[in-house]
């Protein structure tokens, strides 16, 4: 029997909506729908993605306690925001799991 991913317990649309601020949620959804997530993989307990925005941005999302840790190379991500690129990677991951 396969062991469920730790992401299955904490990465949900409700979690994404709680973490995203301002327009990040709607913009991130649009990025995911438009196929702007160019790479998406799970490695060493992290989701790793490349998102094409103004530039190419590297996103990492991981389980941290009973929530999520995240990092994006964009200016908003460097300030600690769950930015539109994080939203896009999370939504792309969820769409692959269904």
PDB file of N, CA and C in Angstrom:
ATOM      1  N   UNK A   1       0.848  -1.184   0.000  1.00  0.00           N
ATOM      2  CA  UNK A   1       0.000   0.000   0.000  1.00  0.00           C
ATOM      3  C   UNK A   1       0.892   1.245   0.000  1.00  0.00           C
ATOM      4  N   UNK A   2       0.583   2.188  -0.851  1.00  0.00           N
ATOM      5  CA  UNK A   2       1.387   3.409  -0.967  1.00  0.00           C
ATOM      6  C   UNK A   2       1.162   4.321   0.241  1.00  0.00           C
ATOM      7  N   UNK A   3       2.249   4.929   0.673  1.00  0.00           N
ATOM      8  CA  UNK A   3       2.168   5.895   1.770  1.00  0.00           C
ATOM      9  C   UNK A   3       1.726   7.228   1.186  1.00  0.00           C
ATOM     10  N   UNK A   4       0.671   7.857   1.752  1.00  0.00           N
ATOM     11  CA  UNK A   4       0.223   9.130   1.189  1.00  0.00           C
ATOM     12  C   UNK A   4       1.270  10.224   1.391  1.00  0.00           C
ATOM     13  N   UNK A   5       1.343  11.103   0.443  1.00  0.00           N
ATOM     14  CA  UNK A   5       2.250  12.237   0.515  1.00  0.00           C
ATOM     15  C   UNK A   5       1.865  13.123   1.689  1.00  0.00           C
ATOM     16  N   UNK A   6       2.854  13.697   2.401  1.00  0.00           N
ATOM     17  CA  UNK A   6       2.492  14.617   3.486  1.00  0.00           C
ATOM     18  C   UNK A   6       1.728  15.834   2.970  1.00  0.00           C
ATOM     19  N   UNK A   7       1.877  16.139   1.687  1.00  0.00           N
ATOM     20  CA  UNK A   7       1.154  17.268   1.108  1.00  0.00           C
ATOM     21  C   UNK A   7      -0.348  17.026   1.095  1.00  0.00           C
ATOM     22  N   UNK A   8      -0.748  15.757   1.029  1.00  0.00           N
ATOM     23  CA  UNK A   8      -2.176  15.432   0.984  1.00  0.00           C
ATOM     24  C   UNK A   8      -2.902  15.936   2.233  1.00  0.00           C
ATOM     25  N   UNK A   9      -2.186  16.092   3.329  1.00  0.00           N
ATOM     26  CA  UNK A   9      -2.808  16.515   4.582  1.00  0.00           C
ATOM     27  C   UNK A   9      -2.887  18.032   4.736  1.00  0.00           C
ATOM     28  N   UNK A  10      -2.047  18.779   4.047  1.00  0.00           N
ATOM     29  CA  UNK A  10      -2.006  20.230   4.274  1.00  0.00           C
ATOM     30  C   UNK A  10      -2.174  21.085   3.027  1.00  0.00           C
ATOM     31  N   UNK A  11      -1.982  20.529   1.860  1.00  0.00           N
ATOM     32  CA  UNK A  11      -2.069  21.338   0.637  1.00  0.00           C
ATOM     33  C   UNK A  11      -3.450  21.162   0.016  1.00  0.00           C
ATOM     34  N   UNK A  12      -4.320  22.129   0.294  1.00  0.00           N
ATOM     35  CA  UNK A  12      -5.695  22.143  -0.206  1.00  0.00           C
ATOM     36  C   UNK A  12      -6.008  23.540  -0.722  1.00  0.00           C
ATOM     37  N   UNK A  13      -7.077  23.650  -1.488  1.00  0.00           N
ATOM     38  CA  UNK A  13      -7.470  24.962  -2.007  1.00  0.00           C
ATOM     39  C   UNK A  13      -7.739  25.951  -0.875  1.00  0.00           C
ATOM     40  N   UNK A  14      -8.257  25.460   0.253  1.00  0.00           N
ATOM     41  CA  UNK A  14      -8.518  26.345   1.397  1.00  0.00           C
ATOM     42  C   UNK A  14      -7.213  26.895   1.973  1.00  0.00           C
ATOM     43  N   UNK A  15      -6.190  26.059   2.038  1.00  0.00           N
ATOM     44  CA  UNK A  15      -4.881  26.484   2.537  1.00  0.00           C
ATOM     45  C   UNK A  15      -4.287  27.548   1.623  1.00  0.00           C
ATOM     46  N   UNK A  16      -4.377  27.320   0.334  1.00  0.00           N
ATOM     47  CA  UNK A  16      -3.848  28.279  -0.643  1.00  0.00           C
ATOM     48  C   UNK A  16      -4.549  29.625  -0.483  1.00  0.00           C
ATOM     49  N   UNK A  17      -5.870  29.581  -0.352  1.00  0.00           N
ATOM     50  CA  UNK A  17      -6.647  30.818  -0.210  1.00  0.00           C
ATOM     51  C   UNK A  17      -6.281  31.572   1.072  1.00  0.00           C
ATOM     52  N   UNK A  18      -5.969  30.855   2.142  1.00  0.00           N
ATOM     53  CA  UNK A  18      -5.595  31.502   3.405  1.00  0.00           C
ATOM     54  C   UNK A  18      -4.212  32.152   3.324  1.00  0.00           C
ATOM     55  N   UNK A  19      -3.297  31.530   2.595  1.00  0.00           N
ATOM     56  CA  UNK A  19      -1.922  32.026   2.522  1.00  0.00           C
ATOM     57  C   UNK A  19      -1.748  33.180   1.541  1.00  0.00           C
ATOM     58  N   UNK A  20      -2.512  33.159   0.455  1.00  0.00           N
ATOM     59  CA  UNK A  20      -2.349  34.162  -0.606  1.00  0.00           C
ATOM     60  C   UNK A  20      -2.962  35.497  -0.166  1.00  0.00           C
ATOM     61  N   UNK A  21      -2.267  36.579  -0.463  1.00  0.00           N
ATOM     62  CA  UNK A  21      -2.736  37.920  -0.102  1.00  0.00           C
ATOM     63  C   UNK A  21      -3.041  38.729  -1.358  1.00  0.00           C
ATOM     64  N   UNK A  22      -3.987  39.639  -1.248  1.00  0.00           N
ATOM     65  CA  UNK A  22      -4.292  40.534  -2.353  1.00  0.00           C
ATOM     66  C   UNK A  22      -4.691  39.777  -3.607  1.00  0.00           C
ATOM     67  N   UNK A  23      -4.098  40.155  -4.715  1.00  0.00           N
ATOM     68  CA  UNK A  23      -4.414  39.546  -6.009  1.00  0.00           C
ATOM     69  C   UNK A  23      -3.647  38.257  -6.272  1.00  0.00           C
ATOM     70  N   UNK A  24      -2.817  37.832  -5.328  1.00  0.00           N
ATOM     71  CA  UNK A  24      -1.983  36.648  -5.562  1.00  0.00           C
ATOM     72  C   UNK A  24      -2.823  35.417  -5.888  1.00  0.00           C
ATOM     73  N   UNK A  25      -3.960  35.258  -5.235  1.00  0.00           N
ATOM     74  CA  UNK A  25      -4.785  34.075  -5.465  1.00  0.00           C
ATOM     75  C   UNK A  25      -5.341  34.061  -6.890  1.00  0.00           C
ATOM     76  N   UNK A  26      -5.982  35.134  -7.311  1.00  0.00           N
ATOM     77  CA  UNK A  26      -6.575  35.151  -8.659  1.00  0.00           C
ATOM     78  C   UNK A  26      -5.499  35.146  -9.741  1.00  0.00           C
ATOM     79  N   UNK A  27      -4.409  35.873  -9.526  1.00  0.00           N
ATOM     80  CA  UNK A  27      -3.329  35.895 -10.519  1.00  0.00           C
ATOM     81  C   UNK A  27      -2.645  34.534 -10.605  1.00  0.00           C
ATOM     82  N   UNK A  28      -2.433  33.890  -9.469  1.00  0.00           N
ATOM     83  CA  UNK A  28      -1.815  32.567  -9.456  1.00  0.00           C
ATOM     84  C   UNK A  28      -2.681  31.521 -10.132  1.00  0.00           C
ATOM     85  N   UNK A  29      -3.995  31.600  -9.898  1.00  0.00           N
ATOM     86  CA  UNK A  29      -4.920  30.686 -10.591  1.00  0.00           C
ATOM     87  C   UNK A  29      -4.824  30.878 -12.105  1.00  0.00           C
ATOM     88  N   UNK A  30      -4.793  32.143 -12.521  1.00  0.00           N
ATOM     89  CA  UNK A  30      -4.687  32.434 -13.957  1.00  0.00           C
ATOM     90  C   UNK A  30      -3.379  31.887 -14.521  1.00  0.00           C
ATOM     91  N   UNK A  31      -2.287  32.037 -13.784  1.00  0.00           N
ATOM     92  CA  UNK A  31      -0.997  31.497 -14.237  1.00  0.00           C
ATOM     93  C   UNK A  31      -1.091  29.978 -14.409  1.00  0.00           C
ATOM     94  N   UNK A  32      -1.688  29.298 -13.447  1.00  0.00           N
ATOM     95  CA  UNK A  32      -1.809  27.838 -13.531  1.00  0.00           C
ATOM     96  C   UNK A  32      -2.671  27.444 -14.731  1.00  0.00           C
ATOM     97  N   UNK A  33      -3.800  28.140 -14.916  1.00  0.00           N
ATOM     98  CA  UNK A  33      -4.707  27.822 -16.018  1.00  0.00           C
ATOM     99  C   UNK A  33      -4.075  28.084 -17.374  1.00  0.00           C
ATOM    100  N   UNK A  34      -3.204  29.081 -17.456  1.00  0.00           N
ATOM    101  CA  UNK A  34      -2.555  29.428 -18.722  1.00  0.00           C
ATOM    102  C   UNK A  34      -1.304  28.591 -18.988  1.00  0.00           C
ATOM    103  N   UNK A  35      -0.989  27.653 -18.089  1.00  0.00           N
ATOM    104  CA  UNK A  35       0.154  26.778 -18.302  1.00  0.00           C
ATOM    105  C   UNK A  35       1.502  27.437 -18.044  1.00  0.00           C
ATOM    106  N   UNK A  36       1.525  28.422 -17.174  1.00  0.00           N
ATOM    107  CA  UNK A  36       2.775  29.125 -16.899  1.00  0.00           C
ATOM    108  C   UNK A  36       3.690  28.372 -15.931  1.00  0.00           C
ATOM    109  N   UNK A  37       3.209  27.286 -15.344  1.00  0.00           N
ATOM    110  CA  UNK A  37       4.076  26.436 -14.519  1.00  0.00           C
ATOM    111  C   UNK A  37       4.816  25.537 -15.497  1.00  0.00           C
ATOM    112  N   UNK A  38       6.093  25.826 -15.704  1.00  0.00           N
ATOM    113  CA  UNK A  38       6.879  25.170 -16.752  1.00  0.00           C
ATOM    114  C   UNK A  38       7.557  23.897 -16.287  1.00  0.00           C
ATOM    115  N   UNK A  39       7.743  23.754 -14.997  1.00  0.00           N
ATOM    116  CA  UNK A  39       8.338  22.535 -14.443  1.00  0.00           C
ATOM    117  C   UNK A  39       7.715  22.326 -13.078  1.00  0.00           C
ATOM    118  N   UNK A  40       7.455  21.082 -12.741  1.00  0.00           N
ATOM    119  CA  UNK A  40       6.871  20.762 -11.439  1.00  0.00           C
ATOM    120  C   UNK A  40       7.298  19.362 -11.058  1.00  0.00           C
ATOM    121  N   UNK A  41       7.954  19.260  -9.929  1.00  0.00           N
ATOM    122  CA  UNK A  41       8.411  17.959  -9.460  1.00  0.00           C
ATOM    123  C   UNK A  41       8.375  17.927  -7.940  1.00  0.00           C
ATOM    124  N   UNK A  42       8.383  16.718  -7.404  1.00  0.00           N
ATOM    125  CA  UNK A  42       8.485  16.532  -5.961  1.00  0.00           C
ATOM    126  C   UNK A  42       9.832  15.864  -5.695  1.00  0.00           C
ATOM    127  N   UNK A  43      10.647  16.498  -4.868  1.00  0.00           N
ATOM    128  CA  UNK A  43      11.978  15.975  -4.589  1.00  0.00           C
ATOM    129  C   UNK A  43      12.340  16.270  -3.148  1.00  0.00           C
ATOM    130  N   UNK A  44      12.798  15.261  -2.435  1.00  0.00           N
ATOM    131  CA  UNK A  44      13.243  15.409  -1.054  1.00  0.00           C
ATOM    132  C   UNK A  44      12.202  16.122  -0.191  1.00  0.00           C
ATOM    133  N   UNK A  45      10.934  15.751  -0.359  1.00  0.00           N
ATOM    134  CA  UNK A  45       9.880  16.316   0.466  1.00  0.00           C
ATOM    135  C   UNK A  45       9.465  17.729   0.107  1.00  0.00           C
ATOM    136  N   UNK A  46       9.877  18.198  -1.057  1.00  0.00           N
ATOM    137  CA  UNK A  46       9.510  19.542  -1.497  1.00  0.00           C
ATOM    138  C   UNK A  46       8.861  19.484  -2.874  1.00  0.00           C
ATOM    139  N   UNK A  47       7.930  20.408  -3.096  1.00  0.00           N
ATOM    140  CA  UNK A  47       7.438  20.640  -4.448  1.00  0.00           C
ATOM    141  C   UNK A  47       8.333  21.707  -5.032  1.00  0.00           C
ATOM    142  N   UNK A  48       8.884  21.450  -6.188  1.00  0.00           N
ATOM    143  CA  UNK A  48       9.762  22.399  -6.862  1.00  0.00           C
ATOM    144  C   UNK A  48       9.143  22.755  -8.202  1.00  0.00           C
ATOM    145  N   UNK A  49       9.030  24.045  -8.456  1.00  0.00           N
ATOM    146  CA  UNK A  49       8.418  24.478  -9.703  1.00  0.00           C
ATOM    147  C   UNK A  49       9.141  25.663 -10.302  1.00  0.00           C
ATOM    148  N   UNK A  50       8.994  25.803 -11.595  1.00  0.00           N
ATOM    149  CA  UNK A  50       9.476  26.969 -12.330  1.00  0.00           C
ATOM    150  C   UNK A  50       8.241  27.607 -12.963  1.00  0.00           C
ATOM    151  N   UNK A  51       8.062  28.897 -12.703  1.00  0.00           N
ATOM    152  CA  UNK A  51       6.891  29.609 -13.215  1.00  0.00           C
ATOM    153  C   UNK A  51       7.363  30.746 -14.108  1.00  0.00           C
ATOM    154  N   UNK A  52       6.737  30.838 -15.287  1.00  0.00           N
ATOM    155  CA  UNK A  52       7.068  31.901 -16.218  1.00  0.00           C
ATOM    156  C   UNK A  52       6.175  33.101 -15.937  1.00  0.00           C
ATOM    157  N   UNK A  53       6.762  34.125 -15.362  1.00  0.00           N
ATOM    158  CA  UNK A  53       6.080  35.388 -15.133  1.00  0.00           C
ATOM    159  C   UNK A  53       6.789  36.431 -15.960  1.00  0.00           C
ATOM    160  N   UNK A  54       7.114  37.565 -15.352  1.00  0.00           N
ATOM    161  CA  UNK A  54       7.945  38.565 -16.016  1.00  0.00           C
ATOM    162  C   UNK A  54       9.297  37.944 -16.346  1.00  0.00           C
ATOM    163  N   UNK A  55       9.733  37.059 -15.495  1.00  0.00           N
ATOM    164  CA  UNK A  55      10.965  36.285 -15.608  1.00  0.00           C
ATOM    165  C   UNK A  55      10.601  34.842 -15.309  1.00  0.00           C
ATOM    166  N   UNK A  56      11.594  33.972 -15.216  1.00  0.00           N
ATOM    167  CA  UNK A  56      11.368  32.619 -14.709  1.00  0.00           C
ATOM    168  C   UNK A  56      11.647  32.648 -13.211  1.00  0.00           C
ATOM    169  N   UNK A  57      10.709  32.154 -12.432  1.00  0.00           N
ATOM    170  CA  UNK A  57      10.849  32.167 -10.979  1.00  0.00           C
ATOM    171  C   UNK A  57      10.838  30.751 -10.432  1.00  0.00           C
ATOM    172  N   UNK A  58      11.743  30.501  -9.488  1.00  0.00           N
ATOM    173  CA  UNK A  58      11.849  29.194  -8.846  1.00  0.00           C
ATOM    174  C   UNK A  58      11.014  29.202  -7.571  1.00  0.00           C
ATOM    175  N   UNK A  59      10.177  28.175  -7.414  1.00  0.00           N
ATOM    176  CA  UNK A  59       9.298  28.048  -6.258  1.00  0.00           C
ATOM    177  C   UNK A  59       9.593  26.736  -5.550  1.00  0.00           C
ATOM    178  N   UNK A  60       9.606  26.794  -4.230  1.00  0.00           N
ATOM    179  CA  UNK A  60       9.731  25.600  -3.401  1.00  0.00           C
ATOM    180  C   UNK A  60       8.645  25.657  -2.329  1.00  0.00           C
ATOM    181  N   UNK A  61       7.930  24.565  -2.163  1.00  0.00           N
ATOM    182  CA  UNK A  61       6.889  24.455  -1.141  1.00  0.00           C
ATOM    183  C   UNK A  61       7.128  23.158  -0.394  1.00  0.00           C
ATOM    184  N   UNK A  62       7.045  23.203   0.932  1.00  0.00           N
ATOM    185  CA  UNK A  62       7.269  22.011   1.731  1.00  0.00           C
ATOM    186  C   UNK A  62       6.328  22.010   2.931  1.00  0.00           C
ATOM    187  N   UNK A  63       6.161  20.834   3.517  1.00  0.00           N
ATOM    188  CA  UNK A  63       5.341  20.706   4.721  1.00  0.00           C
ATOM    189  C   UNK A  63       6.171  21.192   5.894  1.00  0.00           C
ATOM    190  N   UNK A  64       5.582  22.080   6.679  1.00  0.00           N
ATOM    191  CA  UNK A  64       6.254  22.649   7.844  1.00  0.00           C
ATOM    192  C   UNK A  64       5.292  22.557   9.013  1.00  0.00           C
ATOM    193  N   UNK A  65       5.548  21.606   9.913  1.00  0.00           N
ATOM    194  CA  UNK A  65       4.616  21.370  11.013  1.00  0.00           C
ATOM    195  C   UNK A  65       3.279  20.911  10.457  1.00  0.00           C
ATOM    196  N   UNK A  66       2.206  21.614  10.827  1.00  0.00           N
ATOM    197  CA  UNK A  66       0.894  21.266  10.291  1.00  0.00           C
ATOM    198  C   UNK A  66       0.460  22.245   9.194  1.00  0.00           C
ATOM    199  N   UNK A  67       1.440  22.944   8.617  1.00  0.00           N
ATOM    200  CA  UNK A  67       1.176  23.903   7.542  1.00  0.00           C
ATOM    201  C   UNK A  67       2.184  23.765   6.430  1.00  0.00           C
ATOM    202  N   UNK A  68       2.400  24.848   5.724  1.00  0.00           N
ATOM    203  CA  UNK A  68       3.321  24.851   4.591  1.00  0.00           C
ATOM    204  C   UNK A  68       4.431  25.871   4.788  1.00  0.00           C
ATOM    205  N   UNK A  69       5.617  25.521   4.339  1.00  0.00           N
ATOM    206  CA  UNK A  69       6.708  26.459   4.182  1.00  0.00           C
ATOM    207  C   UNK A  69       6.837  26.724   2.696  1.00  0.00           C
ATOM    208  N   UNK A  70       7.325  27.880   2.327  1.00  0.00           N
ATOM    209  CA  UNK A  70       7.399  28.218   0.905  1.00  0.00           C
ATOM    210  C   UNK A  70       8.451  29.281   0.665  1.00  0.00           C
ATOM    211  N   UNK A  71       8.929  29.296  -0.570  1.00  0.00           N
ATOM    212  CA  UNK A  71       9.940  30.263  -0.987  1.00  0.00           C
ATOM    213  C   UNK A  71       9.814  30.451  -2.492  1.00  0.00           C
ATOM    214  N   UNK A  72       9.895  31.700  -2.934  1.00  0.00           N
ATOM    215  CA  UNK A  72       9.887  32.006  -4.361  1.00  0.00           C
ATOM    216  C   UNK A  72      10.992  33.015  -4.613  1.00  0.00           C
ATOM    217  N   UNK A  73      11.590  32.946  -5.794  1.00  0.00           N
ATOM    218  CA  UNK A  73      12.698  33.840  -6.128  1.00  0.00           C
ATOM    219  C   UNK A  73      12.231  35.210  -6.621  1.00  0.00           C
ATOM    220  N   UNK A  74      10.919  35.459  -6.710  1.00  0.00           N
ATOM    221  CA  UNK A  74      10.417  36.764  -7.143  1.00  0.00           C
ATOM    222  C   UNK A  74      10.529  37.783  -5.998  1.00  0.00           C
ATOM    223  N   UNK A  75      10.403  39.069  -6.300  1.00  0.00           N
ATOM    224  CA  UNK A  75      10.503  40.083  -5.237  1.00  0.00           C
ATOM    225  C   UNK A  75       9.511  39.882  -4.093  1.00  0.00           C
ATOM    226  N   UNK A  76       8.254  39.564  -4.389  1.00  0.00           N
ATOM    227  CA  UNK A  76       7.263  39.344  -3.322  1.00  0.00           C
ATOM    228  C   UNK A  76       7.626  38.109  -2.504  1.00  0.00           C
ATOM    229  N   UNK A  77       8.084  37.067  -3.176  1.00  0.00           N
ATOM    230  CA  UNK A  77       8.483  35.840  -2.481  1.00  0.00           C
ATOM    231  C   UNK A  77       9.674  36.060  -1.580  1.00  0.00           C
ATOM    232  N   UNK A  78      10.611  36.883  -2.015  1.00  0.00           N
ATOM    233  CA  UNK A  78      11.784  37.178  -1.195  1.00  0.00           C
ATOM    234  C   UNK A  78      11.399  37.931   0.074  1.00  0.00           C
ATOM    235  N   UNK A  79      10.241  38.613   0.040  1.00  0.00           N
ATOM    236  CA  UNK A  79       9.732  39.308   1.231  1.00  0.00           C
ATOM    237  C   UNK A  79       8.909  38.380   2.115  1.00  0.00           C
ATOM    238  N   UNK A  80       8.762  37.120   1.709  1.00  0.00           N
ATOM    239  CA  UNK A  80       8.058  36.141   2.527  1.00  0.00           C
ATOM    240  C   UNK A  80       6.609  35.912   2.161  1.00  0.00           C
ATOM    241  N   UNK A  81       6.156  36.469   1.043  1.00  0.00           N
ATOM    242  CA  UNK A  81       4.764  36.307   0.634  1.00  0.00           C
ATOM    243  C   UNK A  81       4.532  34.969  -0.068  1.00  0.00           C
ATOM    244  N   UNK A  82       3.328  34.432   0.118  1.00  0.00           N
ATOM    245  CA  UNK A  82       2.858  33.302  -0.682  1.00  0.00           C
ATOM    246  C   UNK A  82       2.322  33.936  -1.959  1.00  0.00           C
ATOM    247  N   UNK A  83       3.221  34.164  -2.903  1.00  0.00           N
ATOM    248  CA  UNK A  83       2.969  34.972  -4.098  1.00  0.00           C
ATOM    249  C   UNK A  83       2.179  34.192  -5.148  1.00  0.00           C
ATOM    250  N   UNK A  84       1.873  34.865  -6.249  1.00  0.00           N
ATOM    251  CA  UNK A  84       1.125  34.235  -7.334  1.00  0.00           C
ATOM    252  C   UNK A  84       1.867  33.041  -7.924  1.00  0.00           C
ATOM    253  N   UNK A  85       3.193  33.050  -7.851  1.00  0.00           N
ATOM    254  CA  UNK A  85       3.968  31.919  -8.380  1.00  0.00           C
ATOM    255  C   UNK A  85       3.806  30.700  -7.469  1.00  0.00           C
ATOM    256  N   UNK A  86       3.791  30.922  -6.151  1.00  0.00           N
ATOM    257  CA  UNK A  86       3.528  29.832  -5.196  1.00  0.00           C
ATOM    258  C   UNK A  86       2.122  29.283  -5.406  1.00  0.00           C
ATOM    259  N   UNK A  87       1.161  30.179  -5.582  1.00  0.00           N
ATOM    260  CA  UNK A  87      -0.219  29.768  -5.832  1.00  0.00           C
ATOM    261  C   UNK A  87      -0.284  28.908  -7.097  1.00  0.00           C
ATOM    262  N   UNK A  88       0.361  29.353  -8.156  1.00  0.00           N
ATOM    263  CA  UNK A  88       0.334  28.615  -9.425  1.00  0.00           C
ATOM    264  C   UNK A  88       0.918  27.213  -9.263  1.00  0.00           C
ATOM    265  N   UNK A  89       2.041  27.102  -8.573  1.00  0.00           N
ATOM    266  CA  UNK A  89       2.663  25.782  -8.354  1.00  0.00           C
ATOM    267  C   UNK A  89       1.748  24.899  -7.508  1.00  0.00           C
ATOM    268  N   UNK A  90       1.182  25.450  -6.445  1.00  0.00           N
ATOM    269  CA  UNK A  90       0.291  24.663  -5.575  1.00  0.00           C
ATOM    270  C   UNK A  90      -0.937  24.180  -6.343  1.00  0.00           C
ATOM    271  N   UNK A  91      -1.539  25.049  -7.132  1.00  0.00           N
ATOM    272  CA  UNK A  91      -2.722  24.666  -7.904  1.00  0.00           C
ATOM    273  C   UNK A  91      -2.364  23.641  -8.978  1.00  0.00           C
ATOM    274  N   UNK A  92      -1.232  23.826  -9.627  1.00  0.00           N
ATOM    275  CA  UNK A  92      -0.785  22.848 -10.635  1.00  0.00           C
ATOM    276  C   UNK A  92      -0.578  21.480  -9.992  1.00  0.00           C
ATOM    277  N   UNK A  93       0.004  21.454  -8.802  1.00  0.00           N
ATOM    278  CA  UNK A  93       0.214  20.196  -8.092  1.00  0.00           C
ATOM    279  C   UNK A  93      -1.126  19.531  -7.771  1.00  0.00           C
ATOM    280  N   UNK A  94      -2.066  20.309  -7.241  1.00  0.00           N
ATOM    281  CA  UNK A  94      -3.376  19.760  -6.904  1.00  0.00           C
ATOM    282  C   UNK A  94      -4.085  19.213  -8.142  1.00  0.00           C
ATOM    283  N   UNK A  95      -3.954  19.907  -9.258  1.00  0.00           N
ATOM    284  CA  UNK A  95      -4.635  19.439 -10.476  1.00  0.00           C
ATOM    285  C   UNK A  95      -4.020  18.131 -10.982  1.00  0.00           C
ATOM    286  N   UNK A  96      -2.738  17.906 -10.723  1.00  0.00           N
ATOM    287  CA  UNK A  96      -2.102  16.637 -11.109  1.00  0.00           C
ATOM    288  C   UNK A  96      -2.548  15.482 -10.217  1.00  0.00           C
ATOM    289  N   UNK A  97      -2.941  15.812  -8.980  1.00  0.00           N
ATOM    290  CA  UNK A  97      -3.307  14.769  -8.022  1.00  0.00           C
ATOM    291  C   UNK A  97      -4.729  14.270  -8.192  1.00  0.00           C
ATOM    292  N   UNK A  98      -5.553  15.009  -8.926  1.00  0.00           N
ATOM    293  CA  UNK A  98      -6.960  14.604  -9.059  1.00  0.00           C
ATOM    294  C   UNK A  98      -7.206  13.733 -10.274  1.00  0.00           C
TER     295      UNK A  98
END
